[in-house]
ModelCIF file with pLDDT and N, C-alpha, C, O atoms, coordinates in Angstrom:
data_MODEL
#
_entry.id   MODEL 
#
_entity.id                         1 
_entity.type                       polymer 
_entity.pdbx_number_of_molecules   1 
#
_entity_poly.entity_id                      1 
_entity_poly.type                           'polypeptide(L)' 
_entity_poly.nstd_linkage                   no 
_entity_poly.nstd_monomer                   no 
_entity_poly.pdbx_seq_one_letter_code       GGRVSPPRVDVLERAWFDKWLKGLDNGVDEYGPVTLQQQGGMWTSGQS 
_entity_poly.pdbx_seq_one_letter_code_can   GGRVSPPRVDVLERAWFDKWLKGLDNGVDEYGPVTLQQQGGMWTSGQS 
_entity_poly.pdbx_strand_id                 A 
#
loop_
_entity_poly_seq.entity_id 
_entity_poly_seq.num 
_entity_poly_seq.mon_id 
_entity_poly_seq.hetero 
1 1  GLY n 
1 2  GLY n 
1 3  ARG n 
1 4  VAL n 
1 5  SER n 
1 6  PRO n 
1 7  PRO n 
1 8  ARG n 
1 9  VAL n 
1 10 ASP n 
1 11 VAL n 
1 12 LEU n 
1 13 GLU n 
1 14 ARG n 
1 15 ALA n 
1 16 TRP n 
1 17 PHE n 
1 18 ASP n 
1 19 LYS n 
1 20 TRP n 
1 21 LEU n 
1 22 LYS n 
1 23 GLY n 
1 24 LEU n 
1 25 ASP n 
1 26 ASN n 
1 27 GLY n 
1 28 VAL n 
1 29 ASP n 
1 30 GLU n 
1 31 TYR n 
1 32 GLY n 
1 33 PRO n 
1 34 VAL n 
1 35 THR n 
1 36 LEU n 
1 37 GLN n 
1 38 GLN n 
1 39 GLN n 
1 40 GLY n 
1 41 GLY n 
1 42 MET n 
1 43 TRP n 
1 44 THR n 
1 45 SER n 
1 46 GLY n 
1 47 GLN n 
1 48 SER n 
#
_struct_asym.id          A 
_struct_asym.entity_id   1 
#
loop_
_ma_qa_metric.id 
_ma_qa_metric.mode 
_ma_qa_metric.name 
_ma_qa_metric.software_group_id 
_ma_qa_metric.type 
1 global pLDDT . pLDDT 
2 local  pLDDT . pLDDT 
#
_ma_qa_metric_global.metric_id      1 
_ma_qa_metric_global.metric_value   95.19 
_ma_qa_metric_global.model_id       1 
_ma_qa_metric_global.ordinal_id     1 
#
loop_
_ma_qa_metric_local.label_asym_id 
_ma_qa_metric_local.label_comp_id 
_ma_qa_metric_local.label_seq_id 
_ma_qa_metric_local.metric_id 
_ma_qa_metric_local.metric_value 
_ma_qa_metric_local.model_id 
_ma_qa_metric_local.ordinal_id 
A GLY 1  2 91.00 1 1  
A GLY 2  2 90.00 1 2  
A ARG 3  2 90.00 1 3  
A VAL 4  2 91.00 1 4  
A SER 5  2 94.00 1 5  
A PRO 6  2 96.00 1 6  
A PRO 7  2 95.00 1 7  
A ARG 8  2 95.00 1 8  
A VAL 9  2 95.00 1 9  
A ASP 10 2 94.00 1 10 
A VAL 11 2 96.00 1 11 
A LEU 12 2 97.00 1 12 
A GLU 13 2 97.00 1 13 
A ARG 14 2 97.00 1 14 
A ALA 15 2 97.00 1 15 
A TRP 16 2 98.00 1 16 
A PHE 17 2 98.00 1 17 
A ASP 18 2 98.00 1 18 
A LYS 19 2 98.00 1 19 
A TRP 20 2 98.00 1 20 
A LEU 21 2 98.00 1 21 
A LYS 22 2 97.00 1 22 
A GLY 23 2 96.00 1 23 
A LEU 24 2 96.00 1 24 
A ASP 25 2 95.00 1 25 
A ASN 26 2 95.00 1 26 
A GLY 27 2 95.00 1 27 
A VAL 28 2 96.00 1 28 
A ASP 29 2 95.00 1 29 
A GLU 30 2 94.00 1 30 
A TYR 31 2 95.00 1 31 
A GLY 32 2 93.00 1 32 
A PRO 33 2 96.00 1 33 
A VAL 34 2 97.00 1 34 
A THR 35 2 97.00 1 35 
A LEU 36 2 96.00 1 36 
A GLN 37 2 96.00 1 37 
A GLN 38 2 96.00 1 38 
A GLN 39 2 97.00 1 39 
A GLY 40 2 95.00 1 40 
A GLY 41 2 93.00 1 41 
A MET 42 2 94.00 1 42 
A TRP 43 2 95.00 1 43 
A THR 44 2 94.00 1 44 
A SER 45 2 94.00 1 45 
A GLY 46 2 93.00 1 46 
A GLN 47 2 92.00 1 47 
A SER 48 2 94.00 1 48 
#
loop_
_atom_site.group_PDB 
_atom_site.id 
_atom_site.type_symbol 
_atom_site.label_atom_id 
_atom_site.label_alt_id 
_atom_site.label_comp_id 
_atom_site.label_asym_id 
_atom_site.label_entity_id 
_atom_site.label_seq_id 
_atom_site.pdbx_PDB_ins_code 
_atom_site.Cartn_x 
_atom_site.Cartn_y 
_atom_site.Cartn_z 
_atom_site.occupancy 
_atom_site.B_iso_or_equiv 
_atom_site.pdbx_formal_charge 
_atom_site.auth_seq_id 
_atom_site.auth_comp_id 
_atom_site.auth_asym_id 
_atom_site.auth_atom_id 
_atom_site.pdbx_PDB_model_num 
ATOM 1   N N  . GLY A 1 1  ? 7.398   -4.552  -4.678  1.00 91.00 ? 1  GLY A N  1 
ATOM 2   C CA . GLY A 1 1  ? 8.555   -4.580  -3.778  1.00 91.00 ? 1  GLY A CA 1 
ATOM 3   C C  . GLY A 1 1  ? 9.776   -3.929  -4.372  1.00 91.00 ? 1  GLY A C  1 
ATOM 4   O O  . GLY A 1 1  ? 10.846  -3.964  -3.765  1.00 91.00 ? 1  GLY A O  1 
ATOM 5   N N  . GLY A 1 2  ? 9.647   -3.326  -5.562  1.00 90.00 ? 2  GLY A N  1 
ATOM 6   C CA . GLY A 1 2  ? 10.772  -2.673  -6.210  1.00 90.00 ? 2  GLY A CA 1 
ATOM 7   C C  . GLY A 1 2  ? 10.966  -1.251  -5.719  1.00 90.00 ? 2  GLY A C  1 
ATOM 8   O O  . GLY A 1 2  ? 10.285  -0.797  -4.799  1.00 90.00 ? 2  GLY A O  1 
ATOM 9   N N  . ARG A 1 3  ? 11.899  -0.559  -6.339  1.00 90.00 ? 3  ARG A N  1 
ATOM 10  C CA . ARG A 1 3  ? 12.293  0.772   -5.882  1.00 90.00 ? 3  ARG A CA 1 
ATOM 11  C C  . ARG A 1 3  ? 11.180  1.798   -6.048  1.00 90.00 ? 3  ARG A C  1 
ATOM 12  O O  . ARG A 1 3  ? 11.069  2.720   -5.241  1.00 90.00 ? 3  ARG A O  1 
ATOM 13  N N  . VAL A 1 4  ? 10.345  1.650   -7.094  1.00 91.00 ? 4  VAL A N  1 
ATOM 14  C CA . VAL A 1 4  ? 9.294   2.643   -7.341  1.00 91.00 ? 4  VAL A CA 1 
ATOM 15  C C  . VAL A 1 4  ? 7.899   2.019   -7.368  1.00 91.00 ? 4  VAL A C  1 
ATOM 16  O O  . VAL A 1 4  ? 6.945   2.666   -7.801  1.00 91.00 ? 4  VAL A O  1 
ATOM 17  N N  . SER A 1 5  ? 7.768   0.772   -6.910  1.00 94.00 ? 5  SER A N  1 
ATOM 18  C CA . SER A 1 5  ? 6.485   0.073   -6.945  1.00 94.00 ? 5  SER A CA 1 
ATOM 19  C C  . SER A 1 5  ? 5.949   -0.127  -5.528  1.00 94.00 ? 5  SER A C  1 
ATOM 20  O O  . SER A 1 5  ? 6.666   0.127   -4.560  1.00 94.00 ? 5  SER A O  1 
ATOM 21  N N  . PRO A 1 6  ? 4.706   -0.574  -5.392  1.00 96.00 ? 6  PRO A N  1 
ATOM 22  C CA . PRO A 1 6  ? 4.160   -0.835  -4.067  1.00 96.00 ? 6  PRO A CA 1 
ATOM 23  C C  . PRO A 1 6  ? 4.918   -1.949  -3.353  1.00 96.00 ? 6  PRO A C  1 
ATOM 24  O O  . PRO A 1 6  ? 5.641   -2.713  -3.993  1.00 96.00 ? 6  PRO A O  1 
ATOM 25  N N  . PRO A 1 7  ? 4.762   -2.049  -2.037  1.00 95.00 ? 7  PRO A N  1 
ATOM 26  C CA . PRO A 1 7  ? 5.356   -3.167  -1.294  1.00 95.00 ? 7  PRO A CA 1 
ATOM 27  C C  . PRO A 1 7  ? 4.815   -4.498  -1.808  1.00 95.00 ? 7  PRO A C  1 
ATOM 28  O O  . PRO A 1 7  ? 3.762   -4.547  -2.445  1.00 95.00 ? 7  PRO A O  1 
ATOM 29  N N  . ARG A 1 8  ? 5.548   -5.576  -1.524  1.00 95.00 ? 8  ARG A N  1 
ATOM 30  C CA . ARG A 1 8  ? 5.071   -6.905  -1.897  1.00 95.00 ? 8  ARG A CA 1 
ATOM 31  C C  . ARG A 1 8  ? 3.680   -7.147  -1.306  1.00 95.00 ? 8  ARG A C  1 
ATOM 32  O O  . ARG A 1 8  ? 3.305   -6.554  -0.294  1.00 95.00 ? 8  ARG A O  1 
ATOM 33  N N  . VAL A 1 9  ? 2.928   -8.032  -1.963  1.00 95.00 ? 9  VAL A N  1 
ATOM 34  C CA . VAL A 1 9  ? 1.567   -8.311  -1.528  1.00 95.00 ? 9  VAL A CA 1 
ATOM 35  C C  . VAL A 1 9  ? 1.547   -8.917  -0.131  1.00 95.00 ? 9  VAL A C  1 
ATOM 36  O O  . VAL A 1 9  ? 0.701   -8.553  0.686   1.00 95.00 ? 9  VAL A O  1 
ATOM 37  N N  . ASP A 1 10 ? 2.476   -9.846  0.157   1.00 94.00 ? 10 ASP A N  1 
ATOM 38  C CA . ASP A 1 10 ? 2.488   -10.454 1.494   1.00 94.00 ? 10 ASP A CA 1 
ATOM 39  C C  . ASP A 1 10 ? 2.843   -9.434  2.567   1.00 94.00 ? 10 ASP A C  1 
ATOM 40  O O  . ASP A 1 10 ? 2.392   -9.546  3.707   1.00 94.00 ? 10 ASP A O  1 
ATOM 41  N N  . VAL A 1 11 ? 3.645   -8.445  2.207   1.00 96.00 ? 11 VAL A N  1 
ATOM 42  C CA . VAL A 1 11 ? 3.999   -7.384  3.164   1.00 96.00 ? 11 VAL A CA 1 
ATOM 43  C C  . VAL A 1 11 ? 2.770   -6.528  3.462   1.00 96.00 ? 11 VAL A C  1 
ATOM 44  O O  . VAL A 1 11 ? 2.510   -6.194  4.618   1.00 96.00 ? 11 VAL A O  1 
ATOM 45  N N  . LEU A 1 12 ? 2.024   -6.179  2.436   1.00 97.00 ? 12 LEU A N  1 
ATOM 46  C CA . LEU A 1 12 ? 0.816   -5.391  2.643   1.00 97.00 ? 12 LEU A CA 1 
ATOM 47  C C  . LEU A 1 12 ? -0.244  -6.179  3.407   1.00 97.00 ? 12 LEU A C  1 
ATOM 48  O O  . LEU A 1 12 ? -0.946  -5.628  4.255   1.00 97.00 ? 12 LEU A O  1 
ATOM 49  N N  . GLU A 1 13 ? -0.356  -7.467  3.101   1.00 97.00 ? 13 GLU A N  1 
ATOM 50  C CA . GLU A 1 13 ? -1.325  -8.296  3.827   1.00 97.00 ? 13 GLU A CA 1 
ATOM 51  C C  . GLU A 1 13 ? -1.008  -8.306  5.319   1.00 97.00 ? 13 GLU A C  1 
ATOM 52  O O  . GLU A 1 13 ? -1.896  -8.127  6.152   1.00 97.00 ? 13 GLU A O  1 
ATOM 53  N N  . ARG A 1 14 ? 0.260   -8.517  5.645   1.00 97.00 ? 14 ARG A N  1 
ATOM 54  C CA . ARG A 1 14 ? 0.662   -8.535  7.057   1.00 97.00 ? 14 ARG A CA 1 
ATOM 55  C C  . ARG A 1 14 ? 0.364   -7.175  7.719   1.00 97.00 ? 14 ARG A C  1 
ATOM 56  O O  . ARG A 1 14 ? -0.186  -7.126  8.820   1.00 97.00 ? 14 ARG A O  1 
ATOM 57  N N  . ALA A 1 15 ? 0.727   -6.084  7.045   1.00 97.00 ? 15 ALA A N  1 
ATOM 58  C CA . ALA A 1 15 ? 0.496   -4.760  7.619   1.00 97.00 ? 15 ALA A CA 1 
ATOM 59  C C  . ALA A 1 15 ? -1.004  -4.506  7.796   1.00 97.00 ? 15 ALA A C  1 
ATOM 60  O O  . ALA A 1 15 ? -1.421  -3.923  8.796   1.00 97.00 ? 15 ALA A O  1 
ATOM 61  N N  . TRP A 1 16 ? -1.813  -4.943  6.828   1.00 98.00 ? 16 TRP A N  1 
ATOM 62  C CA . TRP A 1 16 ? -3.259  -4.731  6.897   1.00 98.00 ? 16 TRP A CA 1 
ATOM 63  C C  . TRP A 1 16 ? -3.865  -5.461  8.098   1.00 98.00 ? 16 TRP A C  1 
ATOM 64  O O  . TRP A 1 16 ? -4.655  -4.889  8.849   1.00 98.00 ? 16 TRP A O  1 
ATOM 65  N N  . PHE A 1 17 ? -3.487  -6.723  8.269   1.00 98.00 ? 17 PHE A N  1 
ATOM 66  C CA . PHE A 1 17 ? -4.041  -7.482  9.388   1.00 98.00 ? 17 PHE A CA 1 
ATOM 67  C C  . PHE A 1 17 ? -3.451  -7.042  10.730  1.00 98.00 ? 17 PHE A C  1 
ATOM 68  O O  . PHE A 1 17 ? -4.134  -7.088  11.753  1.00 98.00 ? 17 PHE A O  1 
ATOM 69  N N  . ASP A 1 18 ? -2.184  -6.615  10.729  1.00 98.00 ? 18 ASP A N  1 
ATOM 70  C CA . ASP A 1 18 ? -1.614  -6.069  11.964  1.00 98.00 ? 18 ASP A CA 1 
ATOM 71  C C  . ASP A 1 18 ? -2.416  -4.854  12.433  1.00 98.00 ? 18 ASP A C  1 
ATOM 72  O O  . ASP A 1 18 ? -2.638  -4.669  13.629  1.00 98.00 ? 18 ASP A O  1 
ATOM 73  N N  . LYS A 1 19 ? -2.847  -4.033  11.476  1.00 98.00 ? 19 LYS A N  1 
ATOM 74  C CA . LYS A 1 19 ? -3.614  -2.832  11.813  1.00 98.00 ? 19 LYS A CA 1 
ATOM 75  C C  . LYS A 1 19 ? -5.003  -3.187  12.319  1.00 98.00 ? 19 LYS A C  1 
ATOM 76  O O  . LYS A 1 19 ? -5.414  -2.719  13.381  1.00 98.00 ? 19 LYS A O  1 
ATOM 77  N N  . TRP A 1 20 ? -5.733  -4.013  11.568  1.00 98.00 ? 20 TRP A N  1 
ATOM 78  C CA . TRP A 1 20 ? -7.157  -4.181  11.834  1.00 98.00 ? 20 TRP A CA 1 
ATOM 79  C C  . TRP A 1 20 ? -7.478  -5.379  12.704  1.00 98.00 ? 20 TRP A C  1 
ATOM 80  O O  . TRP A 1 20 ? -8.561  -5.429  13.288  1.00 98.00 ? 20 TRP A O  1 
ATOM 81  N N  . LEU A 1 21 ? -6.572  -6.355  12.816  1.00 98.00 ? 21 LEU A N  1 
ATOM 82  C CA . LEU A 1 21 ? -6.820  -7.492  13.703  1.00 98.00 ? 21 LEU A CA 1 
ATOM 83  C C  . LEU A 1 21 ? -6.053  -7.375  15.012  1.00 98.00 ? 21 LEU A C  1 
ATOM 84  O O  . LEU A 1 21 ? -6.489  -7.898  16.037  1.00 98.00 ? 21 LEU A O  1 
ATOM 85  N N  . LYS A 1 22 ? -4.907  -6.689  14.982  1.00 97.00 ? 22 LYS A N  1 
ATOM 86  C CA . LYS A 1 22 ? -4.099  -6.535  16.198  1.00 97.00 ? 22 LYS A CA 1 
ATOM 87  C C  . LYS A 1 22 ? -4.137  -5.116  16.764  1.00 97.00 ? 22 LYS A C  1 
ATOM 88  O O  . LYS A 1 22 ? -3.736  -4.889  17.906  1.00 97.00 ? 22 LYS A O  1 
ATOM 89  N N  . GLY A 1 23 ? -4.617  -4.172  15.972  1.00 96.00 ? 23 GLY A N  1 
ATOM 90  C CA . GLY A 1 23 ? -4.716  -2.808  16.459  1.00 96.00 ? 23 GLY A CA 1 
ATOM 91  C C  . GLY A 1 23 ? -3.412  -2.054  16.502  1.00 96.00 ? 23 GLY A C  1 
ATOM 92  O O  . GLY A 1 23 ? -3.291  -1.083  17.250  1.00 96.00 ? 23 GLY A O  1 
ATOM 93  N N  . LEU A 1 24 ? -2.404  -2.479  15.702  1.00 96.00 ? 24 LEU A N  1 
ATOM 94  C CA . LEU A 1 24 ? -1.113  -1.799  15.690  1.00 96.00 ? 24 LEU A CA 1 
ATOM 95  C C  . LEU A 1 24 ? -1.188  -0.532  14.832  1.00 96.00 ? 24 LEU A C  1 
ATOM 96  O O  . LEU A 1 24 ? -1.734  -0.551  13.729  1.00 96.00 ? 24 LEU A O  1 
ATOM 97  N N  . ASP A 1 25 ? -0.648  0.542   15.341  1.00 95.00 ? 25 ASP A N  1 
ATOM 98  C CA . ASP A 1 25 ? -0.645  1.812   14.609  1.00 95.00 ? 25 ASP A CA 1 
ATOM 99  C C  . ASP A 1 25 ? 0.578   1.843   13.702  1.00 95.00 ? 25 ASP A C  1 
ATOM 100 O O  . ASP A 1 25 ? 1.591   2.470   14.013  1.00 95.00 ? 25 ASP A O  1 
ATOM 101 N N  . ASN A 1 26 ? 0.457   1.143   12.563  1.00 95.00 ? 26 ASN A N  1 
ATOM 102 C CA . ASN A 1 26 ? 1.614   0.974   11.669  1.00 95.00 ? 26 ASN A CA 1 
ATOM 103 C C  . ASN A 1 26 ? 1.554   1.845   10.420  1.00 95.00 ? 26 ASN A C  1 
ATOM 104 O O  . ASN A 1 26 ? 2.435   1.747   9.566   1.00 95.00 ? 26 ASN A O  1 
ATOM 105 N N  . GLY A 1 27 ? 0.538   2.694   10.292  1.00 95.00 ? 27 GLY A N  1 
ATOM 106 C CA . GLY A 1 27 ? 0.469   3.625   9.178   1.00 95.00 ? 27 GLY A CA 1 
ATOM 107 C C  . GLY A 1 27 ? -0.080  3.058   7.887   1.00 95.00 ? 27 GLY A C  1 
ATOM 108 O O  . GLY A 1 27 ? -0.104  3.767   6.881   1.00 95.00 ? 27 GLY A O  1 
ATOM 109 N N  . VAL A 1 28 ? -0.528  1.790   7.868   1.00 96.00 ? 28 VAL A N  1 
ATOM 110 C CA . VAL A 1 28 ? -1.019  1.226   6.612   1.00 96.00 ? 28 VAL A CA 1 
ATOM 111 C C  . VAL A 1 28 ? -2.307  1.921   6.162   1.00 96.00 ? 28 VAL A C  1 
ATOM 112 O O  . VAL A 1 28 ? -2.611  1.955   4.969   1.00 96.00 ? 28 VAL A O  1 
ATOM 113 N N  . ASP A 1 29 ? -3.059  2.472   7.115   1.00 95.00 ? 29 ASP A N  1 
ATOM 114 C CA . ASP A 1 29 ? -4.269  3.195   6.749   1.00 95.00 ? 29 ASP A CA 1 
ATOM 115 C C  . ASP A 1 29 ? -3.962  4.537   6.098   1.00 95.00 ? 29 ASP A C  1 
ATOM 116 O O  . ASP A 1 29 ? -4.856  5.185   5.555   1.00 95.00 ? 29 ASP A O  1 
ATOM 117 N N  . GLU A 1 30 ? -2.689  4.959   6.150   1.00 94.00 ? 30 GLU A N  1 
ATOM 118 C CA . GLU A 1 30 ? -2.268  6.189   5.482   1.00 94.00 ? 30 GLU A CA 1 
ATOM 119 C C  . GLU A 1 30 ? -1.681  5.923   4.097   1.00 94.00 ? 30 GLU A C  1 
ATOM 120 O O  . GLU A 1 30 ? -1.349  6.856   3.366   1.00 94.00 ? 30 GLU A O  1 
ATOM 121 N N  . TYR A 1 31 ? -1.554  4.636   3.740   1.00 95.00 ? 31 TYR A N  1 
ATOM 122 C CA . TYR A 1 31 ? -1.040  4.286   2.419   1.00 95.00 ? 31 TYR A CA 1 
ATOM 123 C C  . TYR A 1 31 ? -2.110  4.588   1.375   1.00 95.00 ? 31 TYR A C  1 
ATOM 124 O O  . TYR A 1 31 ? -3.302  4.557   1.684   1.00 95.00 ? 31 TYR A O  1 
ATOM 125 N N  . GLY A 1 32 ? -1.698  4.881   0.139   1.00 93.00 ? 32 GLY A N  1 
ATOM 126 C CA . GLY A 1 32 ? -2.636  5.093   -0.967  1.00 93.00 ? 32 GLY A CA 1 
ATOM 127 C C  . GLY A 1 32 ? -3.486  6.334   -0.785  1.00 93.00 ? 32 GLY A C  1 
ATOM 128 O O  . GLY A 1 32 ? -2.929  7.430   -0.720  1.00 93.00 ? 32 GLY A O  1 
ATOM 129 N N  . PRO A 1 33 ? -4.799  6.225   -0.699  1.00 96.00 ? 33 PRO A N  1 
ATOM 130 C CA . PRO A 1 33 ? -5.588  4.989   -0.692  1.00 96.00 ? 33 PRO A CA 1 
ATOM 131 C C  . PRO A 1 33 ? -5.816  4.386   -2.086  1.00 96.00 ? 33 PRO A C  1 
ATOM 132 O O  . PRO A 1 33 ? -6.243  3.237   -2.203  1.00 96.00 ? 33 PRO A O  1 
ATOM 133 N N  . VAL A 1 34 ? -5.529  5.167   -3.145  1.00 97.00 ? 34 VAL A N  1 
ATOM 134 C CA . VAL A 1 34 ? -5.683  4.659   -4.503  1.00 97.00 ? 34 VAL A CA 1 
ATOM 135 C C  . VAL A 1 34 ? -4.312  4.675   -5.170  1.00 97.00 ? 34 VAL A C  1 
ATOM 136 O O  . VAL A 1 34 ? -3.758  5.736   -5.459  1.00 97.00 ? 34 VAL A O  1 
ATOM 137 N N  . THR A 1 35 ? -3.781  3.491   -5.406  1.00 97.00 ? 35 THR A N  1 
ATOM 138 C CA . THR A 1 35 ? -2.435  3.344   -5.973  1.00 97.00 ? 35 THR A CA 1 
ATOM 139 C C  . THR A 1 35 ? -2.568  2.676   -7.340  1.00 97.00 ? 35 THR A C  1 
ATOM 140 O O  . THR A 1 35 ? -3.060  1.552   -7.446  1.00 97.00 ? 35 THR A O  1 
ATOM 141 N N  . LEU A 1 36 ? -2.129  3.375   -8.380  1.00 96.00 ? 36 LEU A N  1 
ATOM 142 C CA . LEU A 1 36 ? -2.359  2.934   -9.753  1.00 96.00 ? 36 LEU A CA 1 
ATOM 143 C C  . LEU A 1 36 ? -1.055  2.817   -10.527 1.00 96.00 ? 36 LEU A C  1 
ATOM 144 O O  . LEU A 1 36 ? -0.198  3.697   -10.454 1.00 96.00 ? 36 LEU A O  1 
ATOM 145 N N  . GLN A 1 37 ? -0.911  1.728   -11.266 1.00 96.00 ? 37 GLN A N  1 
ATOM 146 C CA . GLN A 1 37 ? 0.170   1.622   -12.236 1.00 96.00 ? 37 GLN A CA 1 
ATOM 147 C C  . GLN A 1 37 ? -0.382  2.139   -13.559 1.00 96.00 ? 37 GLN A C  1 
ATOM 148 O O  . GLN A 1 37 ? -1.099  1.436   -14.272 1.00 96.00 ? 37 GLN A O  1 
ATOM 149 N N  . GLN A 1 38 ? -0.038  3.358   -13.862 1.00 96.00 ? 38 GLN A N  1 
ATOM 150 C CA . GLN A 1 38 ? -0.598  4.013   -15.038 1.00 96.00 ? 38 GLN A CA 1 
ATOM 151 C C  . GLN A 1 38 ? -0.022  3.396   -16.313 1.00 96.00 ? 38 GLN A C  1 
ATOM 152 O O  . GLN A 1 38 ? 1.195   3.366   -16.500 1.00 96.00 ? 38 GLN A O  1 
ATOM 153 N N  . GLN A 1 39 ? -0.893  2.911   -17.178 1.00 97.00 ? 39 GLN A N  1 
ATOM 154 C CA . GLN A 1 39 ? -0.421  2.335   -18.431 1.00 97.00 ? 39 GLN A CA 1 
ATOM 155 C C  . GLN A 1 39 ? 0.306   3.411   -19.238 1.00 97.00 ? 39 GLN A C  1 
ATOM 156 O O  . GLN A 1 39 ? -0.219  4.503   -19.451 1.00 97.00 ? 39 GLN A O  1 
ATOM 157 N N  . GLY A 1 40 ? 1.517   3.087   -19.680 1.00 95.00 ? 40 GLY A N  1 
ATOM 158 C CA . GLY A 1 40 ? 2.323   4.055   -20.401 1.00 95.00 ? 40 GLY A CA 1 
ATOM 159 C C  . GLY A 1 40 ? 3.043   5.023   -19.485 1.00 95.00 ? 40 GLY A C  1 
ATOM 160 O O  . GLY A 1 40 ? 3.787   5.883   -19.957 1.00 95.00 ? 40 GLY A O  1 
ATOM 161 N N  . GLY A 1 41 ? 2.835   4.898   -18.178 1.00 93.00 ? 41 GLY A N  1 
ATOM 162 C CA . GLY A 1 41 ? 3.461   5.800   -17.211 1.00 93.00 ? 41 GLY A CA 1 
ATOM 163 C C  . GLY A 1 41 ? 4.118   5.031   -16.093 1.00 93.00 ? 41 GLY A C  1 
ATOM 164 O O  . GLY A 1 41 ? 4.859   4.079   -16.341 1.00 93.00 ? 41 GLY A O  1 
ATOM 165 N N  . MET A 1 42 ? 3.854   5.435   -14.855 1.00 94.00 ? 42 MET A N  1 
ATOM 166 C CA . MET A 1 42 ? 4.500   4.811   -13.704 1.00 94.00 ? 42 MET A CA 1 
ATOM 167 C C  . MET A 1 42 ? 3.475   4.689   -12.585 1.00 94.00 ? 42 MET A C  1 
ATOM 168 O O  . MET A 1 42 ? 2.311   5.053   -12.745 1.00 94.00 ? 42 MET A O  1 
ATOM 169 N N  . TRP A 1 43 ? 3.933   4.169   -11.448 1.00 95.00 ? 43 TRP A N  1 
ATOM 170 C CA . TRP A 1 43 ? 3.073   4.058   -10.280 1.00 95.00 ? 43 TRP A CA 1 
ATOM 171 C C  . TRP A 1 43 ? 2.768   5.435   -9.712  1.00 95.00 ? 43 TRP A C  1 
ATOM 172 O O  . TRP A 1 43 ? 3.658   6.274   -9.579  1.00 95.00 ? 43 TRP A O  1 
ATOM 173 N N  . THR A 1 44 ? 1.497   5.661   -9.379  1.00 94.00 ? 44 THR A N  1 
ATOM 174 C CA . THR A 1 44 ? 1.096   6.918   -8.758  1.00 94.00 ? 44 THR A CA 1 
ATOM 175 C C  . THR A 1 44 ? 0.129   6.615   -7.611  1.00 94.00 ? 44 THR A C  1 
ATOM 176 O O  . THR A 1 44 ? -0.479  5.545   -7.563  1.00 94.00 ? 44 THR A O  1 
ATOM 177 N N  . SER A 1 45 ? -0.001  7.562   -6.698  1.00 94.00 ? 45 SER A N  1 
ATOM 178 C CA . SER A 1 45 ? -0.978  7.439   -5.614  1.00 94.00 ? 45 SER A CA 1 
ATOM 179 C C  . SER A 1 45 ? -1.854  8.671   -5.588  1.00 94.00 ? 45 SER A C  1 
ATOM 180 O O  . SER A 1 45 ? -1.412  9.765   -5.939  1.00 94.00 ? 45 SER A O  1 
ATOM 181 N N  . GLY A 1 46 ? -3.096  8.495   -5.172  1.00 93.00 ? 46 GLY A N  1 
ATOM 182 C CA . GLY A 1 46 ? -4.023  9.608   -5.072  1.00 93.00 ? 46 GLY A CA 1 
ATOM 183 C C  . GLY A 1 46 ? -5.163  9.289   -4.144  1.00 93.00 ? 46 GLY A C  1 
ATOM 184 O O  . GLY A 1 46 ? -5.163  8.259   -3.470  1.00 93.00 ? 46 GLY A O  1 
ATOM 185 N N  . GLN A 1 47 ? -6.134  10.173  -4.110  1.00 92.00 ? 47 GLN A N  1 
ATOM 186 C CA . GLN A 1 47 ? -7.244  10.030  -3.182  1.00 92.00 ? 47 GLN A CA 1 
ATOM 187 C C  . GLN A 1 47 ? -8.470  9.359   -3.787  1.00 92.00 ? 47 GLN A C  1 
ATOM 188 O O  . GLN A 1 47 ? -9.355  8.925   -3.050  1.00 92.00 ? 47 GLN A O  1 
ATOM 189 N N  . SER A 1 48 ? -8.540  9.264   -5.120  1.00 94.00 ? 48 SER A N  1 
ATOM 190 C CA . SER A 1 48 ? -9.755  8.717   -5.710  1.00 94.00 ? 48 SER A CA 1 
ATOM 191 C C  . SER A 1 48 ? -9.486  8.223   -7.123  1.00 94.00 ? 48 SER A C  1 
ATOM 192 O O  . SER A 1 48 ? -10.395 7.724   -7.787  1.00 94.00 ? 48 SER A O  1 
#
């Protein structure tokens, strides 16, 4: 939930269930899909 980190876990949980249980087009399926906190580095996102 910080400036350069992923959203809070409860925020992601809500967005995930809103998408797949309610069918809301909220863009959570466009997040990541692989989000890594690189040891010695910072948060990054990629495809695999």
